[in-house]
Structure formats: C-alpha cells, structure tokens
Amino acid sequence: MTAPFTSVLATLLIVGGGALLYTCSPNQKLLRRALHGMVPVLLGIGFLLLGITVLTTAASFCTACLMSVTLLMIVWCLLPLVVSFLSGRPSHD
C-alpha cells in the first residue's frame, strides 16, 4: 500500500473506533441512548487495533501507537464539542 492510502485508511479506522467507543459512554450526546453490550465496545477496540496495525506498515510500532493515541484524544475532545455545537441551544429571549 502507498503511504497516503495507508494514512487515510488508518485515520478512518481510528476515528471510527474512537467514535464507536464514544457512543458506548452513558454521558455521550451523539445518540439518544448509549450503545449497550460488548459488541460495540469490541468493534471499537478492533477498529483501533486494526488502525494501529495499518499504521505499522508505514511507521514503527511506537510511532504508530503515539499517532493513534493522539488522534484518539483529538476525536474524544472534538466530537462532544461538535455535537453540542450542531445540536444548538434555544435562545433566551
């Protein structure tokens, strides 16, 4: 695989896994109810591990882990902000 394709695929896998794990939290605001059960959690962890595996084809294992954890922190910080911004709040007139 080429380096840009590897990076994009790994990014999509890690973002997808992070978003899936976020929706399993009882405090999430993306869905009306949090996802229940072990299947979404295992899928999220699987996406993360697959993303790290794809990244190791382009970088060393330690670098791939650092890149994936950094991307995961960005997803978990920005996703709640974007959701709350897009949901809108009623105006107090």
N, C-alpha and C. Protein backbone atom coordinates (compact mmCIF):
# COMPACT_ATOMS: atom_id res chain seq x y z
N MET A 1 0.83 -1.18 0.00
CA MET A 1 0.00 0.00 0.00
C MET A 1 0.88 1.24 0.00
N THR A 2 0.37 2.27 -0.60
CA THR A 2 1.11 3.53 -0.61
C THR A 2 0.92 4.24 0.71
N ALA A 3 1.85 5.12 1.02
CA ALA A 3 1.83 5.82 2.31
C ALA A 3 0.59 6.69 2.50
N PRO A 4 0.15 7.48 1.50
CA PRO A 4 -1.07 8.28 1.72
C PRO A 4 -2.31 7.42 1.94
N PHE A 5 -2.44 6.34 1.18
CA PHE A 5 -3.59 5.45 1.35
C PHE A 5 -3.56 4.79 2.73
N THR A 6 -2.38 4.40 3.18
CA THR A 6 -2.23 3.80 4.49
C THR A 6 -2.63 4.78 5.59
N SER A 7 -2.18 6.01 5.45
CA SER A 7 -2.51 7.02 6.46
C SER A 7 -3.99 7.32 6.51
N VAL A 8 -4.62 7.43 5.35
CA VAL A 8 -6.06 7.72 5.30
C VAL A 8 -6.86 6.55 5.87
N LEU A 9 -6.50 5.34 5.49
CA LEU A 9 -7.21 4.17 5.98
C LEU A 9 -7.07 4.03 7.49
N ALA A 10 -5.86 4.22 8.00
CA ALA A 10 -5.63 4.13 9.44
C ALA A 10 -6.39 5.23 10.18
N THR A 11 -6.40 6.43 9.62
CA THR A 11 -7.13 7.54 10.23
C THR A 11 -8.62 7.23 10.31
N LEU A 12 -9.18 6.72 9.23
CA LEU A 12 -10.61 6.39 9.23
C LEU A 12 -10.93 5.29 10.23
N LEU A 13 -10.07 4.29 10.33
CA LEU A 13 -10.29 3.22 11.29
C LEU A 13 -10.22 3.72 12.73
N ILE A 14 -9.24 4.55 13.02
CA ILE A 14 -9.07 5.05 14.38
C ILE A 14 -10.19 6.02 14.75
N VAL A 15 -10.56 6.90 13.83
CA VAL A 15 -11.67 7.83 14.10
C VAL A 15 -12.97 7.05 14.27
N GLY A 16 -13.19 6.06 13.44
CA GLY A 16 -14.40 5.24 13.57
C GLY A 16 -14.43 4.47 14.89
N GLY A 17 -13.30 3.91 15.28
CA GLY A 17 -13.24 3.19 16.55
C GLY A 17 -13.42 4.12 17.74
N GLY A 18 -12.83 5.30 17.66
CA GLY A 18 -13.00 6.28 18.74
C GLY A 18 -14.43 6.76 18.85
N ALA A 19 -15.08 7.01 17.71
CA ALA A 19 -16.47 7.45 17.72
C ALA A 19 -17.38 6.33 18.24
N LEU A 20 -17.08 5.11 17.87
CA LEU A 20 -17.89 3.98 18.34
C LEU A 20 -17.74 3.80 19.85
N LEU A 21 -16.53 3.94 20.36
CA LEU A 21 -16.33 3.85 21.81
C LEU A 21 -16.98 5.03 22.53
N TYR A 22 -16.99 6.20 21.90
CA TYR A 22 -17.65 7.37 22.49
C TYR A 22 -19.16 7.13 22.62
N THR A 23 -19.76 6.50 21.62
CA THR A 23 -21.20 6.26 21.68
C THR A 23 -21.57 5.20 22.71
N CYS A 24 -20.61 4.45 23.21
CA CYS A 24 -20.88 3.47 24.27
C CYS A 24 -20.92 4.11 25.65
N SER A 25 -20.46 5.34 25.77
CA SER A 25 -20.44 6.03 27.06
C SER A 25 -21.85 6.49 27.44
N PRO A 26 -22.23 6.34 28.71
CA PRO A 26 -23.55 6.81 29.11
C PRO A 26 -23.67 8.33 29.09
N ASN A 27 -22.57 9.06 29.05
CA ASN A 27 -22.60 10.52 29.03
C ASN A 27 -22.53 11.12 27.64
N GLN A 28 -22.57 10.30 26.60
CA GLN A 28 -22.46 10.81 25.24
C GLN A 28 -23.73 11.53 24.83
N LYS A 29 -23.60 12.45 23.88
CA LYS A 29 -24.74 13.22 23.40
C LYS A 29 -24.99 13.02 21.91
N LEU A 30 -24.29 12.09 21.29
CA LEU A 30 -24.43 11.87 19.85
C LEU A 30 -25.72 11.12 19.53
N LEU A 31 -26.05 10.11 20.31
CA LEU A 31 -27.26 9.32 20.12
C LEU A 31 -28.21 9.57 21.29
N ARG A 32 -29.47 9.20 21.10
CA ARG A 32 -30.43 9.38 22.21
C ARG A 32 -30.09 8.48 23.39
N ARG A 33 -29.62 7.27 23.10
CA ARG A 33 -29.22 6.32 24.14
C ARG A 33 -27.82 5.81 23.81
N ALA A 34 -27.08 5.48 24.86
CA ALA A 34 -25.75 4.90 24.65
C ALA A 34 -25.90 3.48 24.10
N LEU A 35 -24.93 3.06 23.33
CA LEU A 35 -24.92 1.70 22.83
C LEU A 35 -24.63 0.74 23.98
N HIS A 36 -25.40 -0.34 24.06
CA HIS A 36 -25.24 -1.29 25.16
C HIS A 36 -24.63 -2.58 24.65
N GLY A 37 -24.02 -3.30 25.54
CA GLY A 37 -23.47 -4.60 25.20
C GLY A 37 -21.99 -4.53 24.89
N MET A 38 -21.42 -5.69 24.71
CA MET A 38 -19.99 -5.79 24.45
C MET A 38 -19.64 -5.70 22.97
N VAL A 39 -20.62 -5.90 22.09
CA VAL A 39 -20.32 -5.90 20.66
C VAL A 39 -19.81 -4.53 20.19
N PRO A 40 -20.46 -3.40 20.50
CA PRO A 40 -19.91 -2.11 20.06
C PRO A 40 -18.54 -1.81 20.67
N VAL A 41 -18.34 -2.20 21.91
CA VAL A 41 -17.04 -1.97 22.56
C VAL A 41 -15.94 -2.78 21.86
N LEU A 42 -16.24 -4.05 21.60
CA LEU A 42 -15.25 -4.89 20.92
C LEU A 42 -14.99 -4.42 19.49
N LEU A 43 -16.03 -3.95 18.80
CA LEU A 43 -15.84 -3.40 17.46
C LEU A 43 -14.97 -2.14 17.50
N GLY A 44 -15.22 -1.27 18.46
CA GLY A 44 -14.41 -0.06 18.60
C GLY A 44 -12.95 -0.39 18.88
N ILE A 45 -12.72 -1.31 19.80
CA ILE A 45 -11.34 -1.72 20.11
C ILE A 45 -10.71 -2.40 18.90
N GLY A 46 -11.50 -3.19 18.18
CA GLY A 46 -10.98 -3.85 16.98
C GLY A 46 -10.59 -2.85 15.91
N PHE A 47 -11.42 -1.82 15.71
CA PHE A 47 -11.08 -0.77 14.74
C PHE A 47 -9.79 -0.07 15.14
N LEU A 48 -9.63 0.21 16.45
CA LEU A 48 -8.40 0.86 16.91
C LEU A 48 -7.18 -0.02 16.67
N LEU A 49 -7.29 -1.29 17.01
CA LEU A 49 -6.15 -2.20 16.81
C LEU A 49 -5.84 -2.38 15.33
N LEU A 50 -6.88 -2.44 14.50
CA LEU A 50 -6.66 -2.55 13.06
C LEU A 50 -6.02 -1.28 12.50
N GLY A 51 -6.43 -0.12 13.02
CA GLY A 51 -5.80 1.14 12.60
C GLY A 51 -4.33 1.19 12.97
N ILE A 52 -4.00 0.72 14.18
CA ILE A 52 -2.59 0.68 14.59
C ILE A 52 -1.81 -0.29 13.71
N THR A 53 -2.44 -1.42 13.38
CA THR A 53 -1.77 -2.40 12.52
C THR A 53 -1.50 -1.83 11.14
N VAL A 54 -2.46 -1.11 10.60
CA VAL A 54 -2.26 -0.48 9.28
C VAL A 54 -1.16 0.58 9.37
N LEU A 55 -1.14 1.34 10.46
CA LEU A 55 -0.10 2.36 10.62
C LEU A 55 1.30 1.76 10.74
N THR A 56 1.41 0.56 11.27
CA THR A 56 2.74 -0.04 11.42
C THR A 56 3.36 -0.41 10.07
N THR A 57 2.56 -0.42 9.01
CA THR A 57 3.15 -0.65 7.69
C THR A 57 3.89 0.57 7.18
N ALA A 58 3.57 1.75 7.75
CA ALA A 58 4.22 2.98 7.31
C ALA A 58 5.18 3.55 8.35
N ALA A 59 5.04 3.13 9.61
CA ALA A 59 5.89 3.67 10.68
C ALA A 59 6.19 2.55 11.67
N SER A 60 7.07 2.84 12.61
CA SER A 60 7.39 1.85 13.63
C SER A 60 6.20 1.68 14.57
N PHE A 61 6.24 0.63 15.38
CA PHE A 61 5.13 0.33 16.28
C PHE A 61 4.91 1.45 17.29
N CYS A 62 5.99 1.95 17.88
CA CYS A 62 5.86 3.02 18.88
C CYS A 62 5.30 4.30 18.26
N THR A 63 5.76 4.63 17.07
CA THR A 63 5.25 5.80 16.38
C THR A 63 3.78 5.63 16.02
N ALA A 64 3.41 4.44 15.57
CA ALA A 64 2.00 4.17 15.24
C ALA A 64 1.12 4.28 16.47
N CYS A 65 1.59 3.78 17.60
CA CYS A 65 0.81 3.89 18.85
C CYS A 65 0.67 5.34 19.27
N LEU A 66 1.75 6.11 19.19
CA LEU A 66 1.68 7.52 19.56
C LEU A 66 0.73 8.28 18.63
N MET A 67 0.82 8.02 17.34
CA MET A 67 -0.08 8.69 16.39
C MET A 67 -1.53 8.32 16.64
N SER A 68 -1.80 7.06 16.94
CA SER A 68 -3.18 6.64 17.14
C SER A 68 -3.75 7.20 18.45
N VAL A 69 -2.96 7.23 19.51
CA VAL A 69 -3.44 7.79 20.77
C VAL A 69 -3.67 9.30 20.64
N THR A 70 -2.82 9.98 19.92
CA THR A 70 -3.01 11.41 19.68
C THR A 70 -4.29 11.66 18.89
N LEU A 71 -4.51 10.89 17.85
CA LEU A 71 -5.74 11.03 17.06
C LEU A 71 -6.96 10.68 17.89
N LEU A 72 -6.86 9.68 18.73
CA LEU A 72 -7.97 9.29 19.59
C LEU A 72 -8.30 10.40 20.59
N MET A 73 -7.29 11.06 21.14
CA MET A 73 -7.54 12.18 22.04
C MET A 73 -8.22 13.33 21.31
N ILE A 74 -7.82 13.59 20.08
CA ILE A 74 -8.45 14.65 19.29
C ILE A 74 -9.91 14.31 19.03
N VAL A 75 -10.19 13.07 18.68
CA VAL A 75 -11.58 12.65 18.42
C VAL A 75 -12.41 12.80 19.68
N TRP A 76 -11.91 12.32 20.81
CA TRP A 76 -12.68 12.37 22.05
C TRP A 76 -12.83 13.78 22.60
N CYS A 77 -11.97 14.71 22.18
CA CYS A 77 -12.13 16.11 22.60
C CYS A 77 -13.05 16.88 21.67
N LEU A 78 -12.90 16.67 20.37
CA LEU A 78 -13.66 17.47 19.41
C LEU A 78 -15.06 16.94 19.13
N LEU A 79 -15.26 15.64 19.21
CA LEU A 79 -16.58 15.08 18.91
C LEU A 79 -17.67 15.62 19.83
N PRO A 80 -17.47 15.66 21.16
CA PRO A 80 -18.51 16.25 22.01
C PRO A 80 -18.75 17.73 21.73
N LEU A 81 -17.68 18.46 21.41
CA LEU A 81 -17.84 19.89 21.10
C LEU A 81 -18.64 20.09 19.82
N VAL A 82 -18.34 19.32 18.80
CA VAL A 82 -19.06 19.43 17.53
C VAL A 82 -20.51 19.03 17.71
N VAL A 83 -20.77 17.98 18.46
CA VAL A 83 -22.15 17.53 18.68
C VAL A 83 -22.94 18.60 19.43
N SER A 84 -22.36 19.18 20.47
CA SER A 84 -23.08 20.20 21.22
C SER A 84 -23.27 21.46 20.40
N PHE A 85 -22.31 21.79 19.55
CA PHE A 85 -22.45 22.97 18.69
C PHE A 85 -23.53 22.76 17.64
N LEU A 86 -23.58 21.59 17.04
CA LEU A 86 -24.57 21.32 16.00
C LEU A 86 -25.97 21.09 16.54
N SER A 87 -26.07 20.63 17.78
CA SER A 87 -27.41 20.40 18.35
C SER A 87 -28.11 21.73 18.63
N GLY A 88 -27.35 22.76 18.87
CA GLY A 88 -27.93 24.09 19.10
C GLY A 88 -28.61 24.17 20.44
N ARG A 89 -28.68 25.38 20.93
CA ARG A 89 -29.39 25.63 22.18
C ARG A 89 -30.49 26.65 21.91
N PRO A 90 -31.60 26.54 22.62
CA PRO A 90 -32.65 27.52 22.40
C PRO A 90 -32.20 28.91 22.89
N SER A 91 -32.64 29.90 22.18
CA SER A 91 -32.26 31.26 22.57
C SER A 91 -33.10 31.71 23.77
N HIS A 92 -32.50 32.52 24.60
CA HIS A 92 -33.17 33.03 25.81
C HIS A 92 -33.59 34.46 25.56
N ASP A 93 -34.69 34.64 24.84
CA ASP A 93 -35.19 36.00 24.53
C ASP A 93 -36.25 36.42 25.49
